[in-house]
Amino acid sequence: MKQVAVIGAGIAGIAVSIRLQHAGFDVTVYERNAYPGGKLSEINLNGYRFDAGPSLFTMPNFVEELFSLVGCKTSDYFEYIKKDIVCEYFFADQTRFTAYADKDQYMKEAEQKFDIDPNKLSTYFEQSRLKYDLTSPLFLEKSLHKLTTFLSIGTIKAITFIHKLSLFDTLHDVNQSFFDNPKLVQLFNRYATYNGSSPYMTPGIMSLIPHLEQHYGTFFPKGGMISITNSLVNLAESLGVKFKYGVNVDSISVKANTANGVVVDSQFEAADIVVSNMDIVPTYRKLLPNQLQPEKILQQERSSSALIFYWGIQHVFPELNLHNIFFSENYQAEFEAIFEQKNVVDDITVYVHISSKDEPSDAPSGCENWFVMVNVPSNTGQDWDEIIQRTRTNIIKRISSQLNVNLEEFITCESMLDPRSIEFKTQSFQGALYGAASNDRYAAFLRHPNFSRTINNIYFCGGSVHPGGGIPLCLLSAKITSDLIGKP
């Protein structure tokens, strides 16, 4: 039986191990941390439980596909509910918008709050759907770096409708040309943050993302986001995948341009195939230092990172839901600061995730667990201590004003992640959440492929390579990689 070494137990690493073990390989996953999941892990603090990283769960079909692939019933491992409310939005002028999952309710609320013709909004979502349907088989589900991907009817169809894909406009251009209300423009500009980019730079094709959220809906996994990690690890182990935690992969062994194993804590372990779920930059710099380095890819602009506060809140806010956005007044200034000035503005948009709304055991009775996140630049040596102190003050000021409270009085305990600690814990280069930024119309083609062009038997999966970051894309990355490897 052929041996596969998977480096990193992030969500893509776990998923590729399931697929390859099921295909007939003998898979071992090596993880530096004492726990699986990478960013998709958890924090426990003074009776509060927090999901450490990704907090939005959409397109659960990609998770379910892994269970059905091996003939298992999803509900035996993993359960989730669909949310009636996608997100609560709070604007600087006290406008509040509830984004309902139900399309009719969403349209009615939007008409009332933004004075927009529901038919026009419906047209926007239809165009969003068209972009997804045309490009998904090409950009998301297959390797962009294989000629066979482009020799298909789907590619010809996509080229035929290329004028509808908004490739030569920015996301902001698309939204501003469609909506008269600046609040709606800001709301739909927000979707650029789903891949760590700027709406004022990322191509307009990213306007396909709203379709995914509105059409497929948003969900809450019972037990929190960590249950995605735990259920897939349990599935992998039931198939025979071996996980080794608390070990450090020193290098990938290469002989005659062919990967033949990994060096783990100074010990060589043979493997016929090596799959790196590690960020592509440290994969090359640390694990393959003597191999040809794809400098153009490795030196691409990084995506945004995050500053996250985990607050135990001794209060219940009925006006808040699972997902909440408090918008800034000057959205463009935020992204100019992140990508041009490598800094953080004072008037900043704040995201608050409260899993105790759906999982009461995540917080003590009468309390809430707040995951509070703002977008920040990747770590290039900024004075993070100053940025953190200043931003914390501004976050509390912003939310306190919106909710008419003194939020500081309710914070009973606190933990934090910043780009430095994100980089240390997850090996994400500069703490960037999505690898390279997508602030270029050719960004989809510039991501590293899921295989090596110069070394045989080495492959890559995860958010820093094709097709990108976020849970759905990482799971697609694992599928693309396993399809490239094939069967033993």
Protein backbone atom coordinates (compact mmCIF):
# COMPACT_ATOMS: atom_id res chain seq x y z
CA MET A 1 0.00 0.00 0.00
CA LYS A 2 1.43 3.39 -1.00
CA GLN A 3 2.28 5.74 1.86
CA VAL A 4 1.08 9.35 1.92
CA ALA A 5 2.44 11.98 4.30
CA VAL A 6 0.11 14.95 4.83
CA ILE A 7 1.76 17.97 6.46
CA GLY A 8 -0.76 19.89 8.56
CA ALA A 9 -4.13 18.93 10.03
CA GLY A 10 -6.00 21.98 8.80
CA ILE A 11 -9.43 21.41 7.31
CA ALA A 12 -7.97 20.75 3.84
CA GLY A 13 -5.35 18.38 5.24
CA ILE A 14 -8.02 16.39 7.09
CA ALA A 15 -10.26 16.30 4.00
CA VAL A 16 -7.49 15.14 1.65
CA SER A 17 -6.52 12.43 4.13
CA ILE A 18 -10.10 11.10 4.06
CA ARG A 19 -10.20 11.06 0.28
CA LEU A 20 -6.81 9.40 -0.15
CA GLN A 21 -7.31 6.82 2.60
CA HIS A 22 -10.64 5.89 1.02
CA ALA A 23 -8.92 5.63 -2.39
CA GLY A 24 -6.55 2.98 -1.02
CA PHE A 25 -3.53 4.88 0.27
CA ASP A 26 -2.06 4.57 3.77
CA VAL A 27 -2.19 8.14 5.12
CA THR A 28 -0.39 9.74 8.03
CA VAL A 29 -1.07 13.37 9.00
CA TYR A 30 1.64 15.32 10.83
CA GLU A 31 0.53 18.31 12.91
CA ARG A 32 2.79 20.63 14.88
CA ASN A 33 0.04 21.68 17.29
CA ALA A 34 -1.39 19.37 19.93
CA TYR A 35 -4.80 19.62 18.24
CA PRO A 36 -6.25 19.41 14.72
CA GLY A 37 -8.05 22.06 12.69
CA GLY A 38 -5.48 24.81 12.22
CA LYS A 39 -7.53 28.01 12.21
CA LEU A 40 -10.69 25.91 12.67
CA SER A 41 -10.03 25.22 16.35
CA GLU A 42 -11.39 26.51 19.66
CA ILE A 43 -10.51 28.46 22.82
CA ASN A 44 -11.86 27.83 26.32
CA LEU A 45 -11.69 30.65 28.84
CA ASN A 46 -13.29 30.95 32.30
CA GLY A 47 -16.39 28.93 31.41
CA TYR A 48 -16.71 30.42 27.92
CA ARG A 49 -16.02 28.48 24.71
CA PHE A 50 -15.04 30.30 21.51
CA ASP A 51 -14.47 29.13 17.95
CA ALA A 52 -10.96 30.39 17.34
CA GLY A 53 -11.11 31.15 13.64
CA PRO A 54 -13.65 30.68 10.84
CA SER A 55 -17.14 31.41 12.13
CA LEU A 56 -19.28 31.37 8.97
CA PHE A 57 -20.59 27.99 7.81
CA THR A 58 -22.13 27.87 4.37
CA MET A 59 -22.37 25.25 1.61
CA PRO A 60 -22.48 22.28 4.02
CA ASN A 61 -22.78 20.00 0.99
CA PHE A 62 -18.97 20.03 0.74
CA VAL A 63 -18.73 18.55 4.24
CA GLU A 64 -21.54 16.09 3.61
CA GLU A 65 -19.82 14.96 0.42
CA LEU A 66 -16.95 13.52 2.48
CA PHE A 67 -19.30 11.34 4.50
CA SER A 68 -21.29 10.16 1.49
CA LEU A 69 -18.04 9.43 -0.38
CA VAL A 70 -17.10 6.74 2.15
CA GLY A 71 -20.65 5.47 2.63
CA CYS A 72 -21.28 7.05 6.04
CA LYS A 73 -24.33 8.89 7.29
CA THR A 74 -23.48 12.52 8.01
CA SER A 75 -25.82 12.77 11.00
CA ASP A 76 -23.92 9.95 12.75
CA TYR A 77 -20.94 12.32 12.98
CA PHE A 78 -22.15 15.84 12.40
CA GLU A 79 -25.36 17.90 12.73
CA TYR A 80 -26.22 21.47 11.83
CA ILE A 81 -29.17 23.82 11.58
CA LYS A 82 -30.04 26.43 8.97
CA LYS A 83 -30.23 30.00 10.21
CA ASP A 84 -33.34 32.10 9.60
CA ILE A 85 -31.23 35.25 9.84
CA VAL A 86 -27.97 35.42 7.91
CA CYS A 87 -26.61 38.54 9.60
CA GLU A 88 -27.59 41.66 11.51
CA TYR A 89 -26.11 44.83 10.01
CA PHE A 90 -25.65 48.06 11.97
CA PHE A 91 -24.71 51.24 10.09
CA ALA A 92 -23.01 54.31 11.51
CA ASP A 93 -26.20 56.42 11.25
CA GLN A 94 -28.11 53.88 13.43
CA THR A 95 -29.78 52.17 10.47
CA ARG A 96 -30.20 48.46 11.18
CA PHE A 97 -30.75 45.82 8.50
CA THR A 98 -31.71 42.22 9.18
CA ALA A 99 -30.56 39.95 6.34
CA TYR A 100 -33.14 37.19 6.36
CA ALA A 101 -32.44 33.80 4.79
CA ASP A 102 -35.90 33.82 3.23
CA LYS A 103 -35.68 35.70 -0.07
CA ASP A 104 -39.06 37.41 0.22
CA GLN A 105 -38.33 38.63 3.74
CA TYR A 106 -34.91 39.83 2.63
CA MET A 107 -36.38 41.79 -0.27
CA LYS A 108 -39.10 43.33 1.89
CA GLU A 109 -36.58 44.40 4.54
CA ALA A 110 -34.24 45.84 1.91
CA GLU A 111 -37.07 47.77 0.26
CA GLN A 112 -38.03 49.27 3.60
CA LYS A 113 -34.52 50.14 4.81
CA PHE A 114 -32.79 51.07 1.56
CA ASP A 115 -35.69 52.22 -0.64
CA ILE A 116 -34.75 49.80 -3.42
CA ASP A 117 -37.05 48.12 -5.92
CA PRO A 118 -37.05 44.40 -4.93
CA ASN A 119 -36.94 43.48 -8.62
CA LYS A 120 -33.64 45.31 -9.01
CA LEU A 121 -32.16 43.48 -6.02
CA SER A 122 -33.47 40.21 -7.41
CA THR A 123 -31.70 40.99 -10.70
CA TYR A 124 -28.44 41.52 -8.81
CA PHE A 125 -28.73 38.10 -7.19
CA GLU A 126 -29.55 36.53 -10.55
CA GLN A 127 -26.40 38.04 -12.06
CA SER A 128 -24.48 36.81 -9.03
CA ARG A 129 -25.86 33.30 -9.62
CA LEU A 130 -24.95 33.42 -13.32
CA LYS A 131 -21.34 34.30 -12.50
CA TYR A 132 -21.11 31.41 -10.07
CA ASP A 133 -22.70 28.89 -12.44
CA LEU A 134 -20.42 29.92 -15.31
CA THR A 135 -17.16 29.98 -13.41
CA SER A 136 -17.48 27.40 -10.62
CA PRO A 137 -16.66 24.34 -12.78
CA LEU A 138 -13.62 26.14 -14.19
CA PHE A 139 -12.21 28.28 -11.36
CA LEU A 140 -13.24 26.36 -8.25
CA GLU A 141 -13.66 22.68 -8.97
CA LYS A 142 -10.66 21.84 -11.15
CA SER A 143 -6.98 22.64 -11.41
CA LEU A 144 -6.47 25.86 -13.36
CA HIS A 145 -2.99 24.65 -14.21
CA LYS A 146 -3.92 21.66 -16.36
CA LEU A 147 -4.74 22.07 -20.06
CA THR A 148 -7.61 19.57 -19.82
CA THR A 149 -9.49 22.01 -17.58
CA PHE A 150 -9.82 24.43 -20.48
CA LEU A 151 -10.75 21.84 -23.10
CA SER A 152 -14.37 21.59 -22.06
CA ILE A 153 -17.85 22.79 -23.00
CA GLY A 154 -18.02 24.67 -19.68
CA THR A 155 -14.95 26.73 -20.59
CA ILE A 156 -16.40 27.63 -23.98
CA LYS A 157 -19.66 28.64 -22.29
CA ALA A 158 -17.81 30.81 -19.76
CA ILE A 159 -15.86 32.52 -22.56
CA THR A 160 -19.09 33.14 -24.46
CA PHE A 161 -20.49 35.01 -21.46
CA ILE A 162 -17.21 36.68 -20.46
CA HIS A 163 -18.80 40.13 -20.81
CA LYS A 164 -21.14 39.22 -17.93
CA LEU A 165 -18.36 38.22 -15.52
CA SER A 166 -17.22 41.77 -14.59
CA LEU A 167 -13.57 40.76 -14.92
CA PHE A 168 -12.45 44.25 -15.84
CA ASP A 169 -14.33 46.14 -13.13
CA THR A 170 -13.73 46.11 -9.40
CA LEU A 171 -16.32 44.74 -7.01
CA HIS A 172 -16.98 48.30 -5.85
CA ASP A 173 -17.50 49.42 -9.47
CA VAL A 174 -20.08 46.67 -9.96
CA ASN A 175 -21.95 47.49 -6.77
CA GLN A 176 -21.83 51.26 -7.22
CA SER A 177 -23.17 50.99 -10.76
CA PHE A 178 -26.02 48.79 -9.55
CA PHE A 179 -27.12 50.44 -6.31
CA ASP A 180 -27.97 54.09 -5.63
CA ASN A 181 -27.98 53.66 -1.85
CA PRO A 182 -24.41 53.85 -0.44
CA LYS A 183 -25.38 51.52 2.42
CA LEU A 184 -26.24 48.77 -0.06
CA VAL A 185 -22.96 49.40 -1.86
CA GLN A 186 -21.12 49.02 1.45
CA LEU A 187 -23.06 45.89 2.36
CA PHE A 188 -22.21 44.14 -0.91
CA ASN A 189 -18.65 45.47 -0.90
CA ARG A 190 -18.16 43.50 2.33
CA TYR A 191 -17.99 40.24 0.42
CA ALA A 192 -14.44 41.07 -0.68
CA THR A 193 -13.38 40.29 2.88
CA TYR A 194 -14.43 36.67 2.33
CA ASN A 195 -11.12 36.19 0.53
CA GLY A 196 -9.14 38.85 2.39
CA SER A 197 -9.17 41.44 -0.37
CA SER A 198 -10.26 45.03 -1.00
CA PRO A 199 -13.59 45.67 -2.78
CA TYR A 200 -11.90 48.64 -4.42
CA MET A 201 -9.28 46.38 -6.03
CA THR A 202 -10.63 42.83 -6.29
CA PRO A 203 -12.35 42.01 -9.61
CA GLY A 204 -16.11 42.31 -9.98
CA ILE A 205 -16.49 38.58 -10.51
CA MET A 206 -16.38 38.38 -6.71
CA SER A 207 -19.97 39.61 -6.80
CA LEU A 208 -20.83 35.92 -7.19
CA ILE A 209 -20.29 35.45 -3.42
CA PRO A 210 -23.64 36.99 -2.32
CA HIS A 211 -25.40 34.29 -4.32
CA LEU A 212 -23.71 31.58 -2.24
CA GLU A 213 -24.80 33.13 1.04
CA GLN A 214 -28.35 33.99 -0.03
CA HIS A 215 -29.08 30.91 -2.13
CA TYR A 216 -27.44 28.20 -0.04
CA GLY A 217 -27.96 29.95 3.28
CA THR A 218 -25.86 30.05 6.43
CA PHE A 219 -25.77 27.31 9.02
CA PHE A 220 -24.73 26.63 12.58
CA PRO A 221 -22.98 23.35 13.42
CA LYS A 222 -24.21 21.87 16.68
CA GLY A 223 -21.33 22.18 19.11
CA GLY A 224 -19.87 25.13 17.22
CA MET A 225 -17.51 25.34 14.26
CA ILE A 226 -15.05 23.06 16.03
CA SER A 227 -17.50 20.20 15.43
CA ILE A 228 -16.63 20.36 11.71
CA THR A 229 -13.01 19.63 12.59
CA ASN A 230 -13.83 16.99 15.19
CA SER A 231 -16.35 15.13 13.04
CA LEU A 232 -13.98 14.94 10.06
CA VAL A 233 -11.08 13.79 12.24
CA ASN A 234 -13.33 11.09 13.67
CA LEU A 235 -14.31 10.05 10.15
CA ALA A 236 -10.67 10.00 9.02
CA GLU A 237 -9.60 7.89 12.00
CA SER A 238 -12.45 5.45 11.43
CA LEU A 239 -11.02 4.88 7.93
CA GLY A 240 -7.53 4.26 9.29
CA VAL A 241 -5.87 7.66 8.89
CA LYS A 242 -3.13 8.15 11.49
CA PHE A 243 -2.71 11.58 13.13
CA LYS A 244 0.55 12.52 14.83
CA TYR A 245 0.23 15.67 16.95
CA GLY A 246 2.91 17.79 18.55
CA VAL A 247 5.49 16.86 15.91
CA ASN A 248 7.51 19.16 13.72
CA VAL A 249 8.14 18.45 10.05
CA ASP A 250 11.67 19.71 9.46
CA SER A 251 11.80 19.20 5.72
CA ILE A 252 10.44 17.33 2.71
CA SER A 253 12.97 14.82 1.41
CA VAL A 254 13.59 15.03 -2.33
CA LYS A 255 15.82 12.73 -4.39
CA ALA A 256 16.18 12.83 -8.16
CA ASN A 257 13.44 15.48 -8.37
CA THR A 258 11.01 13.17 -6.56
CA ALA A 259 9.62 13.52 -3.04
CA ASN A 260 10.33 10.34 -1.07
CA GLY A 261 9.33 11.26 2.48
CA VAL A 262 9.50 13.79 5.28
CA VAL A 263 11.94 14.48 8.08
CA VAL A 264 9.97 14.68 11.34
CA ASP A 265 11.77 15.81 14.49
CA SER A 266 15.08 14.86 12.83
CA GLN A 267 13.82 11.38 11.85
CA PHE A 268 13.23 10.38 8.23
CA GLU A 269 9.83 8.86 7.47
CA ALA A 270 9.40 7.42 3.99
CA ALA A 271 6.39 8.30 1.84
CA ASP A 272 5.49 7.70 -1.78
CA ILE A 273 3.51 10.94 -1.92
CA VAL A 274 3.76 14.13 0.16
CA VAL A 275 0.86 16.59 0.47
CA SER A 276 1.51 19.94 2.15
CA ASN A 277 -1.44 21.62 3.84
CA MET A 278 1.02 24.18 5.18
CA ASP A 279 0.98 27.73 3.80
CA ILE A 280 2.80 27.68 0.45
CA VAL A 281 5.42 30.26 1.51
CA PRO A 282 6.83 28.39 4.55
CA THR A 283 6.40 25.11 2.64
CA TYR A 284 9.03 26.30 0.19
CA ARG A 285 11.13 28.46 2.52
CA LYS A 286 11.32 25.99 5.41
CA LEU A 287 10.57 22.54 4.01
CA LEU A 288 12.04 22.86 0.51
CA PRO A 289 14.82 25.45 0.95
CA ASN A 290 17.17 23.79 -1.54
CA GLN A 291 14.57 23.44 -4.30
CA LEU A 292 13.71 25.95 -7.02
CA GLN A 293 11.57 28.66 -5.38
CA PRO A 294 8.57 30.03 -7.33
CA GLU A 295 9.50 33.60 -6.37
CA LYS A 296 6.77 35.36 -8.34
CA ILE A 297 4.09 33.45 -6.45
CA LEU A 298 5.80 33.55 -3.06
CA GLN A 299 6.25 37.31 -3.23
CA GLN A 300 2.65 38.13 -4.08
CA GLU A 301 0.79 40.62 -1.92
CA ARG A 302 -0.68 38.89 1.13
CA SER A 303 -4.35 38.93 2.01
CA SER A 304 -5.63 40.77 5.05
CA SER A 305 -5.18 39.30 8.50
CA ALA A 306 -7.35 39.74 11.57
CA LEU A 307 -7.30 41.12 15.06
CA ILE A 308 -9.65 39.00 17.19
CA PHE A 309 -10.80 39.59 20.74
CA TYR A 310 -12.51 36.77 22.61
CA TRP A 311 -14.67 38.42 25.25
CA GLY A 312 -16.74 36.84 27.95
CA ILE A 313 -19.73 39.21 28.18
CA GLN A 314 -21.76 39.29 31.39
CA HIS A 315 -24.94 40.40 29.66
CA VAL A 316 -27.41 39.22 27.02
CA PHE A 317 -28.14 41.40 23.98
CA PRO A 318 -31.42 40.31 22.36
CA GLU A 319 -30.88 42.67 19.41
CA LEU A 320 -27.82 40.66 18.32
CA ASN A 321 -27.72 37.34 16.47
CA LEU A 322 -25.13 34.73 15.59
CA HIS A 323 -23.48 37.03 13.01
CA ASN A 324 -23.38 40.82 13.42
CA ILE A 325 -21.64 43.60 11.46
CA PHE A 326 -21.09 47.14 12.76
CA PHE A 327 -20.11 49.18 9.71
CA SER A 328 -17.73 52.12 9.70
CA GLU A 329 -18.60 55.42 8.08
CA ASN A 330 -15.72 55.46 5.57
CA TYR A 331 -15.30 51.96 4.21
CA GLN A 332 -12.77 52.87 1.53
CA ALA A 333 -10.42 54.41 4.08
CA GLU A 334 -10.31 51.06 5.92
CA PHE A 335 -9.04 49.16 2.90
CA GLU A 336 -6.61 51.88 1.84
CA ALA A 337 -5.12 51.66 5.32
CA ILE A 338 -4.89 47.84 5.20
CA PHE A 339 -3.41 47.40 1.73
CA GLU A 340 -1.61 50.69 1.06
CA GLN A 341 -0.58 52.01 4.47
CA LYS A 342 -0.36 48.61 6.24
CA ASN A 343 -2.19 50.14 9.16
CA VAL A 344 -5.60 50.23 10.87
CA VAL A 345 -7.96 53.21 10.86
CA ASP A 346 -9.78 54.37 13.99
CA ASP A 347 -13.25 54.22 12.43
CA ILE A 348 -13.32 50.51 11.68
CA THR A 349 -15.93 47.91 10.76
CA VAL A 350 -16.44 45.31 13.49
CA TYR A 351 -17.72 41.75 13.16
CA VAL A 352 -19.21 40.03 16.23
CA HIS A 353 -19.92 36.30 16.30
CA ILE A 354 -21.91 34.95 19.28
CA SER A 355 -22.19 31.16 19.14
CA SER A 356 -23.99 31.08 22.52
CA LYS A 357 -27.04 32.42 20.66
CA ASP A 358 -27.42 28.91 19.21
CA GLU A 359 -25.30 26.90 21.65
CA PRO A 360 -26.18 28.23 25.14
CA SER A 361 -23.55 26.03 26.82
CA ASP A 362 -20.83 28.13 25.16
CA ALA A 363 -21.35 30.80 27.87
CA PRO A 364 -22.49 30.85 31.51
CA SER A 365 -26.16 31.56 32.15
CA GLY A 366 -27.05 35.20 31.47
CA CYS A 367 -23.83 35.72 29.51
CA GLU A 368 -22.58 35.65 25.91
CA ASN A 369 -19.33 34.64 24.24
CA TRP A 370 -18.25 37.37 21.85
CA PHE A 371 -15.81 36.66 19.04
CA VAL A 372 -14.96 40.22 17.95
CA MET A 373 -12.93 40.61 14.76
CA VAL A 374 -11.65 43.46 12.60
CA ASN A 375 -9.73 43.21 9.34
CA VAL A 376 -6.11 44.30 9.60
CA PRO A 377 -3.03 44.09 7.36
CA SER A 378 -0.72 41.10 7.41
CA ASN A 379 2.30 41.32 9.68
CA THR A 380 5.16 43.26 8.11
CA GLY A 381 6.67 44.52 11.38
CA GLN A 382 4.05 47.08 12.48
CA ASP A 383 3.82 48.29 16.07
CA TRP A 384 1.08 45.80 16.90
CA ASP A 385 1.00 46.64 20.59
CA GLU A 386 0.01 50.22 19.75
CA ILE A 387 -2.45 49.10 17.06
CA ILE A 388 -4.09 46.58 19.38
CA GLN A 389 -4.55 49.03 22.25
CA ARG A 390 -5.91 51.75 19.98
CA THR A 391 -8.20 49.41 18.05
CA ARG A 392 -9.60 47.79 21.19
CA THR A 393 -10.60 51.23 22.44
CA ASN A 394 -12.21 52.10 19.10
CA ILE A 395 -14.12 48.80 18.92
CA ILE A 396 -15.60 49.32 22.37
CA LYS A 397 -16.48 52.91 21.53
CA ARG A 398 -18.14 51.88 18.25
CA ILE A 399 -20.28 49.08 19.71
CA SER A 400 -21.13 51.01 22.87
CA SER A 401 -22.45 53.88 20.79
CA GLN A 402 -24.51 51.57 18.59
CA LEU A 403 -26.03 49.57 21.46
CA ASN A 404 -26.24 52.52 23.86
CA VAL A 405 -24.24 50.79 26.61
CA ASN A 406 -20.80 50.94 28.21
CA LEU A 407 -19.54 47.67 26.76
CA GLU A 408 -16.35 47.67 28.84
CA GLU A 409 -18.41 47.10 31.98
CA PHE A 410 -19.66 43.75 30.64
CA ILE A 411 -16.28 42.26 29.63
CA THR A 412 -15.37 39.72 32.33
CA CYS A 413 -12.49 37.92 30.59
CA GLU A 414 -10.46 38.31 27.43
CA SER A 415 -8.12 36.50 25.07
CA MET A 416 -6.75 37.70 21.75
CA LEU A 417 -5.23 36.75 18.42
CA ASP A 418 -3.30 39.15 16.21
CA PRO A 419 -1.36 38.61 12.96
CA ARG A 420 1.77 37.63 14.90
CA SER A 421 0.08 34.92 16.93
CA ILE A 422 -1.95 33.75 13.91
CA GLU A 423 1.32 33.26 12.03
CA PHE A 424 2.89 31.41 14.96
CA LYS A 425 -0.07 29.11 15.62
CA THR A 426 -1.04 28.32 12.04
CA GLN A 427 2.16 28.93 10.03
CA SER A 428 0.22 31.35 7.81
CA PHE A 429 2.88 33.59 6.27
CA GLN A 430 2.65 37.07 7.85
CA GLY A 431 -0.57 35.94 9.52
CA ALA A 432 -2.47 36.39 6.24
CA LEU A 433 -5.75 34.51 6.51
CA TYR A 434 -6.13 33.61 2.83
CA GLY A 435 -2.59 33.38 1.48
CA ALA A 436 -2.21 35.77 -1.44
CA ALA A 437 -4.69 38.63 -1.81
CA SER A 438 -7.12 38.65 -4.74
CA ASN A 439 -6.60 42.30 -5.58
CA ASP A 440 -5.99 41.52 -9.24
CA ARG A 441 -8.22 40.35 -12.09
CA TYR A 442 -5.74 37.53 -12.73
CA ALA A 443 -5.50 36.49 -9.08
CA ALA A 444 -7.26 33.15 -9.65
CA PHE A 445 -4.53 32.19 -12.13
CA LEU A 446 -1.67 33.44 -9.95
CA ARG A 447 -2.30 31.16 -6.96
CA HIS A 448 0.09 28.25 -6.64
CA PRO A 449 -1.21 25.07 -8.30
CA ASN A 450 -2.11 21.97 -6.29
CA PHE A 451 0.96 20.17 -7.61
CA SER A 452 4.63 20.92 -8.20
CA ARG A 453 5.87 21.59 -11.71
CA THR A 454 9.44 20.67 -10.78
CA ILE A 455 9.18 17.90 -8.14
CA ASN A 456 7.35 14.64 -8.65
CA ASN A 457 4.95 13.23 -6.03
CA ILE A 458 4.48 16.45 -4.08
CA TYR A 459 1.10 18.18 -3.88
CA PHE A 460 -0.47 21.13 -2.08
CA CYS A 461 -3.88 21.89 -0.57
CA GLY A 462 -5.37 24.56 1.67
CA GLY A 463 -6.20 28.23 1.63
CA SER A 464 -2.87 29.50 0.26
CA VAL A 465 -3.12 27.54 -3.02
CA HIS A 466 -5.82 27.04 -5.64
CA PRO A 467 -8.75 27.75 -5.40
CA GLY A 468 -8.37 29.88 -2.21
CA GLY A 469 -9.23 30.31 1.45
CA GLY A 470 -12.34 29.72 3.51
CA ILE A 471 -13.90 26.37 4.45
CA PRO A 472 -15.70 25.61 1.13
CA LEU A 473 -12.67 26.45 -1.01
CA CYS A 474 -10.30 24.51 1.27
CA LEU A 475 -12.54 21.46 0.93
CA LEU A 476 -12.56 21.93 -2.85
CA SER A 477 -8.78 22.25 -2.73
CA ALA A 478 -8.59 18.85 -1.03
CA LYS A 479 -10.81 17.34 -3.73
CA ILE A 480 -8.75 18.81 -6.57
CA THR A 481 -5.54 17.54 -4.98
CA SER A 482 -6.86 14.03 -4.39
CA ASP A 483 -8.19 13.89 -7.96
CA LEU A 484 -4.73 14.85 -9.26
CA ILE A 485 -3.12 12.09 -7.21
CA GLY A 486 -5.69 9.54 -8.31
CA LYS A 487 -5.60 5.94 -7.10
CA PRO A 488 -2.57 3.88 -6.01
